[in-house]
Amino acid sequence: MDSRLKASLTLAVLCLGLAGGCEQSPESRMKDAMRKSFQLNGKRLAIMYGRSMASPTGPVMGPNGFTGPASEKVLQAFIRQTPAVALEEMGITDPNDAALFQSERDHKPFRIRYGVKGPLTTIYPVVCESEGVSGRVQIFKTDGSVVEVPVTEADAYLAGKHDQAFVPDRE
């Protein structure tokens, strides 16, 4: 084999090896995507609230009924008991950090709807910004979705007037 061809092939293989080595593993890409989807404290809290409702150690209200945490103290305890790996996936580095219960937008503590009772097949708005921005607040739901509404509509969400039964997409 020609020495130039051999050198070119060696260089090509080396470059491919280096390029492949720099690429993230599928597991790392998945973890990064998870963290990115949980950038907001309100979303983190709403998801943890929903997980608390589904927890086998939570109080069962009937064959399909569960109860959300009764207070901030109970929700904090649930978060602290969550395995570190699950918290890390959500971007929670310190489960004791009080900032988790504060909005990044208005820098105020969240309003949280404690003690929700009902089936896990319902999507509950449970976390709301206190003041929001420009007259609008973000409402975070147990399925991880977020809606932004006028401040005047926030109380209706926290009163359960916008709870939604889960309906799977049908194609």
N, C-alpha and C. Protein backbone atom coordinates (compact mmCIF):
# COMPACT_ATOMS: atom_id res chain seq x y z
N MET A 1 0.85 -1.17 0.00
CA MET A 1 0.00 0.00 0.00
C MET A 1 0.89 1.23 0.00
N ASP A 2 0.52 2.21 -0.78
CA ASP A 2 1.24 3.47 -0.88
C ASP A 2 1.30 4.11 0.50
N SER A 3 2.44 4.67 0.87
CA SER A 3 2.61 5.24 2.20
C SER A 3 1.69 6.46 2.42
N ARG A 4 1.44 7.24 1.33
CA ARG A 4 0.55 8.39 1.48
C ARG A 4 -0.89 7.92 1.72
N LEU A 5 -1.30 6.88 1.00
CA LEU A 5 -2.64 6.33 1.18
C LEU A 5 -2.79 5.77 2.59
N LYS A 6 -1.73 5.06 3.04
CA LYS A 6 -1.74 4.49 4.38
C LYS A 6 -1.84 5.59 5.43
N ALA A 7 -1.10 6.66 5.25
CA ALA A 7 -1.12 7.78 6.19
C ALA A 7 -2.50 8.46 6.18
N SER A 8 -3.08 8.61 4.99
CA SER A 8 -4.41 9.24 4.88
C SER A 8 -5.47 8.40 5.57
N LEU A 9 -5.41 7.07 5.36
CA LEU A 9 -6.37 6.18 6.01
C LEU A 9 -6.20 6.20 7.53
N THR A 10 -4.98 6.21 7.98
CA THR A 10 -4.71 6.26 9.41
C THR A 10 -5.27 7.56 10.01
N LEU A 11 -5.04 8.68 9.32
CA LEU A 11 -5.55 9.96 9.78
C LEU A 11 -7.08 9.97 9.80
N ALA A 12 -7.70 9.39 8.77
CA ALA A 12 -9.16 9.34 8.70
C ALA A 12 -9.72 8.51 9.85
N VAL A 13 -9.13 7.36 10.12
CA VAL A 13 -9.58 6.50 11.22
C VAL A 13 -9.40 7.22 12.55
N LEU A 14 -8.28 7.90 12.72
CA LEU A 14 -8.01 8.64 13.95
C LEU A 14 -9.04 9.75 14.15
N CYS A 15 -9.35 10.49 13.09
CA CYS A 15 -10.34 11.58 13.17
C CYS A 15 -11.71 11.02 13.52
N LEU A 16 -12.09 9.91 12.89
CA LEU A 16 -13.38 9.30 13.20
C LEU A 16 -13.43 8.84 14.64
N GLY A 17 -12.35 8.28 15.12
CA GLY A 17 -12.29 7.83 16.51
C GLY A 17 -12.41 8.98 17.48
N LEU A 18 -11.71 10.08 17.18
CA LEU A 18 -11.79 11.25 18.06
C LEU A 18 -13.18 11.87 18.02
N ALA A 19 -13.75 11.97 16.83
CA ALA A 19 -15.09 12.55 16.70
C ALA A 19 -16.11 11.71 17.44
N GLY A 20 -16.00 10.41 17.32
CA GLY A 20 -16.93 9.51 18.02
C GLY A 20 -16.75 9.58 19.52
N GLY A 21 -15.52 9.79 19.97
CA GLY A 21 -15.24 9.87 21.39
C GLY A 21 -15.79 11.13 22.02
N CYS A 22 -15.95 12.17 21.25
CA CYS A 22 -16.45 13.44 21.77
C CYS A 22 -17.97 13.47 21.84
N GLU A 23 -18.61 12.57 21.14
CA GLU A 23 -20.06 12.54 21.11
C GLU A 23 -20.60 12.02 22.43
N GLN A 24 -21.70 12.61 22.89
CA GLN A 24 -22.33 12.17 24.13
C GLN A 24 -22.97 10.79 23.95
N SER A 25 -22.98 10.05 25.03
CA SER A 25 -23.66 8.77 25.00
C SER A 25 -25.16 9.02 24.96
N PRO A 26 -25.95 8.05 24.50
CA PRO A 26 -27.41 8.21 24.51
C PRO A 26 -27.94 8.52 25.91
N GLU A 27 -27.35 7.91 26.91
CA GLU A 27 -27.79 8.15 28.29
C GLU A 27 -27.54 9.61 28.70
N SER A 28 -26.37 10.14 28.33
CA SER A 28 -26.06 11.54 28.65
C SER A 28 -26.99 12.49 27.92
N ARG A 29 -27.26 12.18 26.66
CA ARG A 29 -28.18 13.04 25.89
C ARG A 29 -29.57 13.03 26.53
N MET A 30 -30.01 11.87 26.97
CA MET A 30 -31.33 11.76 27.60
C MET A 30 -31.37 12.56 28.91
N LYS A 31 -30.33 12.45 29.72
CA LYS A 31 -30.27 13.19 30.98
C LYS A 31 -30.28 14.69 30.72
N ASP A 32 -29.51 15.14 29.71
CA ASP A 32 -29.49 16.56 29.38
C ASP A 32 -30.86 17.04 28.92
N ALA A 33 -31.54 16.23 28.13
CA ALA A 33 -32.88 16.59 27.65
C ALA A 33 -33.86 16.68 28.82
N MET A 34 -33.75 15.75 29.75
CA MET A 34 -34.62 15.77 30.94
C MET A 34 -34.39 17.05 31.73
N ARG A 35 -33.11 17.36 32.02
CA ARG A 35 -32.79 18.56 32.79
C ARG A 35 -33.31 19.82 32.08
N LYS A 36 -33.16 19.84 30.77
CA LYS A 36 -33.60 21.00 30.00
C LYS A 36 -35.12 21.17 30.08
N SER A 37 -35.85 20.06 30.11
CA SER A 37 -37.31 20.16 30.16
C SER A 37 -37.80 20.57 31.55
N PHE A 38 -36.94 20.48 32.55
CA PHE A 38 -37.31 20.85 33.92
C PHE A 38 -36.54 22.08 34.40
N GLN A 39 -36.44 23.09 33.55
CA GLN A 39 -35.66 24.27 33.93
C GLN A 39 -36.38 25.18 34.91
N LEU A 40 -37.67 25.09 34.99
CA LEU A 40 -38.44 25.99 35.86
C LEU A 40 -38.80 25.33 37.19
N ASN A 41 -38.62 26.06 38.27
CA ASN A 41 -38.95 25.52 39.59
C ASN A 41 -40.42 25.12 39.69
N GLY A 42 -41.30 25.91 39.09
CA GLY A 42 -42.72 25.58 39.13
C GLY A 42 -43.02 24.24 38.52
N LYS A 43 -42.36 23.94 37.41
CA LYS A 43 -42.56 22.64 36.75
C LYS A 43 -42.01 21.53 37.64
N ARG A 44 -40.85 21.75 38.23
CA ARG A 44 -40.27 20.74 39.13
C ARG A 44 -41.23 20.44 40.28
N LEU A 45 -41.75 21.50 40.90
CA LEU A 45 -42.67 21.31 42.03
C LEU A 45 -43.95 20.61 41.62
N ALA A 46 -44.52 21.01 40.48
CA ALA A 46 -45.77 20.38 40.03
C ALA A 46 -45.57 18.89 39.75
N ILE A 47 -44.46 18.55 39.12
CA ILE A 47 -44.17 17.13 38.85
C ILE A 47 -43.97 16.38 40.17
N MET A 48 -43.23 16.96 41.10
CA MET A 48 -43.02 16.30 42.39
C MET A 48 -44.35 16.16 43.13
N TYR A 49 -45.21 17.15 43.01
CA TYR A 49 -46.54 17.09 43.62
C TYR A 49 -47.31 15.89 43.04
N GLY A 50 -47.30 15.76 41.72
CA GLY A 50 -47.98 14.63 41.06
C GLY A 50 -47.38 13.30 41.47
N ARG A 51 -46.07 13.25 41.57
CA ARG A 51 -45.41 12.00 42.01
C ARG A 51 -45.81 11.67 43.44
N SER A 52 -45.94 12.69 44.26
CA SER A 52 -46.36 12.49 45.64
C SER A 52 -47.77 11.88 45.68
N MET A 53 -48.65 12.35 44.81
CA MET A 53 -50.01 11.79 44.75
C MET A 53 -49.98 10.32 44.36
N ALA A 54 -49.04 9.95 43.51
CA ALA A 54 -48.96 8.58 43.00
C ALA A 54 -48.14 7.66 43.90
N SER A 55 -47.49 8.23 44.89
CA SER A 55 -46.60 7.45 45.75
C SER A 55 -47.38 6.39 46.53
N PRO A 56 -46.87 5.16 46.57
CA PRO A 56 -47.56 4.11 47.33
C PRO A 56 -47.63 4.40 48.82
N THR A 57 -46.79 5.33 49.29
CA THR A 57 -46.84 5.67 50.72
C THR A 57 -47.81 6.80 50.99
N GLY A 58 -48.37 7.37 49.91
CA GLY A 58 -49.35 8.44 50.08
C GLY A 58 -50.70 7.88 50.50
N PRO A 59 -51.56 8.73 51.08
CA PRO A 59 -52.87 8.25 51.53
C PRO A 59 -53.80 7.97 50.35
N VAL A 60 -54.34 6.78 50.30
CA VAL A 60 -55.24 6.40 49.22
C VAL A 60 -56.66 6.81 49.59
N MET A 61 -57.37 7.39 48.64
CA MET A 61 -58.72 7.86 48.89
C MET A 61 -59.78 6.94 48.29
N GLY A 62 -59.39 5.86 47.69
CA GLY A 62 -60.33 4.96 47.03
C GLY A 62 -59.60 4.24 45.93
N PRO A 63 -60.28 3.44 45.13
CA PRO A 63 -59.58 2.64 44.12
C PRO A 63 -58.81 3.48 43.10
N ASN A 64 -59.29 4.67 42.76
CA ASN A 64 -58.56 5.52 41.81
C ASN A 64 -58.29 6.90 42.37
N GLY A 65 -58.51 7.10 43.64
CA GLY A 65 -58.36 8.44 44.20
C GLY A 65 -57.14 8.56 45.09
N PHE A 66 -56.41 9.64 44.92
CA PHE A 66 -55.22 9.87 45.72
C PHE A 66 -55.23 11.31 46.21
N THR A 67 -54.41 11.60 47.20
CA THR A 67 -54.36 12.93 47.78
C THR A 67 -52.97 13.52 47.63
N GLY A 68 -52.94 14.78 47.25
CA GLY A 68 -51.67 15.50 47.15
C GLY A 68 -51.16 15.87 48.52
N PRO A 69 -49.94 16.37 48.59
CA PRO A 69 -49.38 16.74 49.89
C PRO A 69 -50.25 17.80 50.58
N ALA A 70 -50.36 17.69 51.89
CA ALA A 70 -51.25 18.56 52.67
C ALA A 70 -50.65 19.94 52.93
N SER A 71 -49.32 20.06 52.83
CA SER A 71 -48.67 21.33 53.15
C SER A 71 -47.30 21.39 52.48
N GLU A 72 -46.70 22.57 52.55
CA GLU A 72 -45.34 22.73 52.02
C GLU A 72 -44.37 21.80 52.75
N LYS A 73 -44.56 21.67 54.05
CA LYS A 73 -43.69 20.82 54.85
C LYS A 73 -43.74 19.37 54.34
N VAL A 74 -44.94 18.88 54.02
CA VAL A 74 -45.11 17.51 53.54
C VAL A 74 -44.48 17.35 52.15
N LEU A 75 -44.67 18.35 51.28
CA LEU A 75 -44.07 18.30 49.95
C LEU A 75 -42.55 18.35 50.04
N GLN A 76 -42.02 19.19 50.91
CA GLN A 76 -40.57 19.26 51.11
C GLN A 76 -40.02 17.91 51.58
N ALA A 77 -40.71 17.28 52.51
CA ALA A 77 -40.27 15.97 53.02
C ALA A 77 -40.27 14.94 51.90
N PHE A 78 -41.31 14.96 51.04
CA PHE A 78 -41.36 14.02 49.92
C PHE A 78 -40.19 14.26 48.98
N ILE A 79 -39.89 15.51 48.69
CA ILE A 79 -38.77 15.83 47.79
C ILE A 79 -37.46 15.34 48.41
N ARG A 80 -37.26 15.58 49.70
CA ARG A 80 -36.03 15.14 50.36
C ARG A 80 -35.88 13.62 50.35
N GLN A 81 -37.01 12.89 50.35
CA GLN A 81 -36.96 11.42 50.36
C GLN A 81 -36.78 10.84 48.96
N THR A 82 -36.87 11.67 47.94
CA THR A 82 -36.74 11.21 46.56
C THR A 82 -35.28 10.87 46.28
N PRO A 83 -35.01 9.76 45.61
CA PRO A 83 -33.62 9.38 45.32
C PRO A 83 -32.88 10.50 44.58
N ALA A 84 -31.62 10.70 44.95
CA ALA A 84 -30.80 11.77 44.39
C ALA A 84 -30.74 11.71 42.87
N VAL A 85 -30.70 10.50 42.31
CA VAL A 85 -30.62 10.36 40.84
C VAL A 85 -31.87 10.93 40.18
N ALA A 86 -33.03 10.74 40.77
CA ALA A 86 -34.28 11.28 40.21
C ALA A 86 -34.30 12.80 40.34
N LEU A 87 -33.80 13.32 41.45
CA LEU A 87 -33.73 14.77 41.62
C LEU A 87 -32.76 15.38 40.61
N GLU A 88 -31.64 14.73 40.41
CA GLU A 88 -30.63 15.22 39.46
C GLU A 88 -31.21 15.29 38.05
N GLU A 89 -31.99 14.29 37.67
CA GLU A 89 -32.60 14.28 36.34
C GLU A 89 -33.52 15.49 36.15
N MET A 90 -34.09 15.98 37.24
CA MET A 90 -34.98 17.14 37.16
C MET A 90 -34.23 18.45 37.37
N GLY A 91 -32.93 18.37 37.60
CA GLY A 91 -32.15 19.58 37.81
C GLY A 91 -32.21 20.10 39.23
N ILE A 92 -32.66 19.27 40.16
CA ILE A 92 -32.70 19.67 41.57
C ILE A 92 -31.40 19.21 42.20
N THR A 93 -30.54 20.17 42.51
CA THR A 93 -29.23 19.83 43.07
C THR A 93 -29.26 19.78 44.59
N ASP A 94 -30.15 20.54 45.20
CA ASP A 94 -30.25 20.56 46.66
C ASP A 94 -31.73 20.53 47.05
N PRO A 95 -32.23 19.39 47.53
CA PRO A 95 -33.65 19.30 47.87
C PRO A 95 -34.05 20.19 49.05
N ASN A 96 -33.08 20.73 49.76
CA ASN A 96 -33.37 21.62 50.90
C ASN A 96 -33.34 23.09 50.51
N ASP A 97 -33.04 23.38 49.26
CA ASP A 97 -32.93 24.77 48.80
C ASP A 97 -34.30 25.43 48.75
N ALA A 98 -34.49 26.47 49.55
CA ALA A 98 -35.77 27.19 49.61
C ALA A 98 -36.12 27.83 48.27
N ALA A 99 -35.12 28.11 47.43
CA ALA A 99 -35.37 28.74 46.12
C ALA A 99 -36.22 27.86 45.22
N LEU A 100 -36.28 26.56 45.48
CA LEU A 100 -37.10 25.66 44.69
C LEU A 100 -38.58 26.06 44.77
N PHE A 101 -38.98 26.67 45.87
CA PHE A 101 -40.37 27.07 46.08
C PHE A 101 -40.61 28.53 45.69
N GLN A 102 -39.72 29.06 44.85
CA GLN A 102 -39.80 30.46 44.43
C GLN A 102 -39.72 30.55 42.91
N SER A 103 -40.50 31.44 42.32
CA SER A 103 -40.50 31.66 40.87
C SER A 103 -39.25 32.39 40.43
N GLU A 104 -38.69 31.94 39.32
CA GLU A 104 -37.54 32.63 38.74
C GLU A 104 -37.96 33.93 38.06
N ARG A 105 -39.23 34.04 37.70
CA ARG A 105 -39.71 35.24 36.98
C ARG A 105 -40.06 36.38 37.91
N ASP A 106 -40.87 36.12 38.95
CA ASP A 106 -41.27 37.24 39.83
C ASP A 106 -40.51 37.21 41.17
N HIS A 107 -39.70 36.19 41.37
CA HIS A 107 -38.86 36.05 42.57
C HIS A 107 -39.68 36.03 43.86
N LYS A 108 -40.90 35.57 43.76
CA LYS A 108 -41.80 35.44 44.92
C LYS A 108 -42.08 33.97 45.16
N PRO A 109 -42.47 33.63 46.40
CA PRO A 109 -42.85 32.23 46.66
C PRO A 109 -44.07 31.86 45.82
N PHE A 110 -44.10 30.60 45.38
CA PHE A 110 -45.24 30.10 44.62
C PHE A 110 -46.46 29.99 45.52
N ARG A 111 -47.62 30.12 44.92
CA ARG A 111 -48.88 29.75 45.55
C ARG A 111 -49.10 28.29 45.15
N ILE A 112 -49.33 27.43 46.12
CA ILE A 112 -49.48 26.00 45.84
C ILE A 112 -50.81 25.51 46.38
N ARG A 113 -51.47 24.73 45.59
CA ARG A 113 -52.78 24.16 45.92
C ARG A 113 -52.54 22.82 46.63
N TYR A 114 -52.57 22.83 47.93
CA TYR A 114 -52.29 21.61 48.69
C TYR A 114 -53.55 20.78 48.91
N GLY A 115 -53.34 19.47 49.09
CA GLY A 115 -54.41 18.57 49.46
C GLY A 115 -55.38 18.20 48.35
N VAL A 116 -54.94 18.28 47.10
CA VAL A 116 -55.83 17.90 45.99
C VAL A 116 -56.21 16.43 46.15
N LYS A 117 -57.50 16.12 46.00
CA LYS A 117 -57.99 14.75 46.09
C LYS A 117 -58.65 14.38 44.78
N GLY A 118 -58.27 13.24 44.24
CA GLY A 118 -58.91 12.81 43.01
C GLY A 118 -58.09 11.76 42.28
N PRO A 119 -58.59 11.31 41.17
CA PRO A 119 -57.91 10.25 40.42
C PRO A 119 -56.62 10.76 39.75
N LEU A 120 -55.68 9.87 39.59
CA LEU A 120 -54.44 10.22 38.91
C LEU A 120 -54.65 10.41 37.41
N THR A 121 -55.81 10.09 36.93
CA THR A 121 -56.12 10.28 35.51
C THR A 121 -56.57 11.71 35.23
N THR A 122 -56.45 12.58 36.22
CA THR A 122 -56.80 13.98 36.05
C THR A 122 -55.54 14.82 36.13
N ILE A 123 -55.50 15.88 35.32
CA ILE A 123 -54.37 16.81 35.33
C ILE A 123 -54.78 18.00 36.19
N TYR A 124 -53.99 18.26 37.23
CA TYR A 124 -54.33 19.29 38.20
C TYR A 124 -53.37 20.48 38.11
N PRO A 125 -53.89 21.71 38.00
CA PRO A 125 -53.04 22.89 38.16
C PRO A 125 -52.75 23.04 39.66
N VAL A 126 -51.49 22.98 40.05
CA VAL A 126 -51.18 22.97 41.48
C VAL A 126 -50.19 24.03 41.92
N VAL A 127 -49.45 24.62 41.00
CA VAL A 127 -48.44 25.61 41.36
C VAL A 127 -48.69 26.86 40.52
N CYS A 128 -48.64 28.01 41.17
CA CYS A 128 -48.93 29.29 40.49
C CYS A 128 -47.95 30.35 40.97
N GLU A 129 -47.49 31.17 40.05
CA GLU A 129 -46.67 32.31 40.44
C GLU A 129 -47.52 33.27 41.28
N SER A 130 -46.89 33.97 42.19
CA SER A 130 -47.61 34.93 43.04
C SER A 130 -48.03 36.17 42.28
N GLU A 131 -47.09 36.77 41.57
CA GLU A 131 -47.38 38.01 40.85
C GLU A 131 -47.21 37.88 39.35
N GLY A 132 -46.30 37.02 38.92
CA GLY A 132 -46.04 36.87 37.50
C GLY A 132 -45.34 38.07 36.92
N VAL A 133 -45.51 38.25 35.61
CA VAL A 133 -44.86 39.33 34.88
C VAL A 133 -45.89 39.97 33.95
N SER A 134 -45.93 41.28 33.95
CA SER A 134 -46.82 42.04 33.07
C SER A 134 -48.29 41.60 33.18
N GLY A 135 -48.73 41.34 34.42
CA GLY A 135 -50.13 40.98 34.63
C GLY A 135 -50.49 39.55 34.28
N ARG A 136 -49.49 38.72 34.01
CA ARG A 136 -49.75 37.31 33.66
C ARG A 136 -48.92 36.41 34.57
N VAL A 137 -49.53 35.30 34.98
CA VAL A 137 -48.85 34.31 35.83
C VAL A 137 -48.75 32.98 35.10
N GLN A 138 -47.74 32.24 35.45
CA GLN A 138 -47.61 30.88 34.94
C GLN A 138 -48.25 29.93 35.94
N ILE A 139 -49.01 28.98 35.40
CA ILE A 139 -49.66 27.93 36.19
C ILE A 139 -49.03 26.61 35.76
N PHE A 140 -48.58 25.83 36.72
CA PHE A 140 -47.90 24.57 36.44
C PHE A 140 -48.81 23.42 36.86
N LYS A 141 -48.90 22.41 36.00
CA LYS A 141 -49.81 21.29 36.22
C LYS A 141 -49.04 20.00 36.52
N THR A 142 -49.76 19.05 37.11
CA THR A 142 -49.14 17.80 37.54
C THR A 142 -48.59 16.96 36.39
N ASP A 143 -49.00 17.23 35.16
CA ASP A 143 -48.45 16.49 34.02
C ASP A 143 -47.22 17.18 33.43
N GLY A 144 -46.78 18.28 34.04
CA GLY A 144 -45.61 18.99 33.57
C GLY A 144 -45.92 20.11 32.59
N SER A 145 -47.18 20.28 32.24
CA SER A 145 -47.52 21.36 31.31
C SER A 145 -47.61 22.69 32.06
N VAL A 146 -47.50 23.76 31.29
CA VAL A 146 -47.51 25.11 31.84
C VAL A 146 -48.45 25.96 31.00
N VAL A 147 -49.29 26.75 31.65
CA VAL A 147 -50.10 27.73 30.93
C VAL A 147 -49.82 29.10 31.55
N GLU A 148 -49.93 30.11 30.73
CA GLU A 148 -49.77 31.47 31.22
C GLU A 148 -51.10 32.17 31.05
N VAL A 149 -51.61 32.73 32.15
CA VAL A 149 -52.93 33.34 32.14
C VAL A 149 -52.88 34.71 32.83
N PRO A 150 -53.89 35.55 32.61
CA PRO A 150 -53.97 36.80 33.36
C PRO A 150 -54.05 36.51 34.87
N VAL A 151 -53.46 37.38 35.66
CA VAL A 151 -53.46 37.21 37.12
C VAL A 151 -54.88 37.01 37.64
N THR A 152 -55.84 37.66 37.04
CA THR A 152 -57.23 37.57 37.49
C THR A 152 -57.82 36.17 37.35
N GLU A 153 -57.20 35.31 36.54
CA GLU A 153 -57.70 33.94 36.35
C GLU A 153 -57.02 32.91 37.25
N ALA A 154 -55.98 33.32 37.94
CA ALA A 154 -55.18 32.37 38.74
C ALA A 154 -56.00 31.66 39.81
N ASP A 155 -56.84 32.40 40.51
CA ASP A 155 -57.62 31.79 41.60
C ASP A 155 -58.52 30.66 41.09
N ALA A 156 -59.08 30.82 39.91
CA ALA A 156 -59.94 29.77 39.34
C ALA A 156 -59.13 28.49 39.10
N TYR A 157 -57.90 28.63 38.65
CA TYR A 157 -57.05 27.46 38.45
C TYR A 157 -56.74 26.79 39.78
N LEU A 158 -56.39 27.58 40.77
CA LEU A 158 -56.05 27.01 42.08
C LEU A 158 -57.27 26.49 42.83
N ALA A 159 -58.45 26.87 42.42
CA ALA A 159 -59.69 26.36 43.03
C ALA A 159 -60.17 25.08 42.35
N GLY A 160 -59.47 24.64 41.32
CA GLY A 160 -59.84 23.39 40.65
C GLY A 160 -60.81 23.54 39.50
N LYS A 161 -61.08 24.75 39.08
CA LYS A 161 -62.05 24.97 38.00
C LYS A 161 -61.50 24.63 36.62
N HIS A 162 -60.21 24.35 36.57
CA HIS A 162 -59.60 23.98 35.29
C HIS A 162 -58.91 22.61 35.34
N ASP A 163 -59.32 21.78 36.30
CA ASP A 163 -58.82 20.40 36.32
C ASP A 163 -59.29 19.72 35.04
N GLN A 164 -58.45 18.85 34.49
CA GLN A 164 -58.79 18.19 33.23
C GLN A 164 -58.61 16.69 33.34
N ALA A 165 -59.60 15.95 32.92
CA ALA A 165 -59.45 14.50 32.85
C ALA A 165 -58.45 14.21 31.72
N PHE A 166 -57.55 13.28 31.99
CA PHE A 166 -56.56 12.91 30.98
C PHE A 166 -57.24 12.11 29.88
N VAL A 167 -57.03 12.54 28.66
CA VAL A 167 -57.56 11.81 27.50
C VAL A 167 -56.39 11.55 26.57
N PRO A 168 -56.02 10.27 26.40
CA PRO A 168 -54.87 9.98 25.53
C PRO A 168 -55.16 10.36 24.08
N ASP A 169 -54.13 10.79 23.39
CA ASP A 169 -54.28 11.10 21.96
C ASP A 169 -54.59 9.83 21.20
N ARG A 170 -55.51 9.92 20.29
CA ARG A 170 -55.86 8.77 19.45
C ARG A 170 -55.58 9.16 18.01
N GLU A 171 -54.88 8.31 17.34
CA GLU A 171 -54.55 8.60 15.95
C GLU A 171 -55.32 7.73 15.01
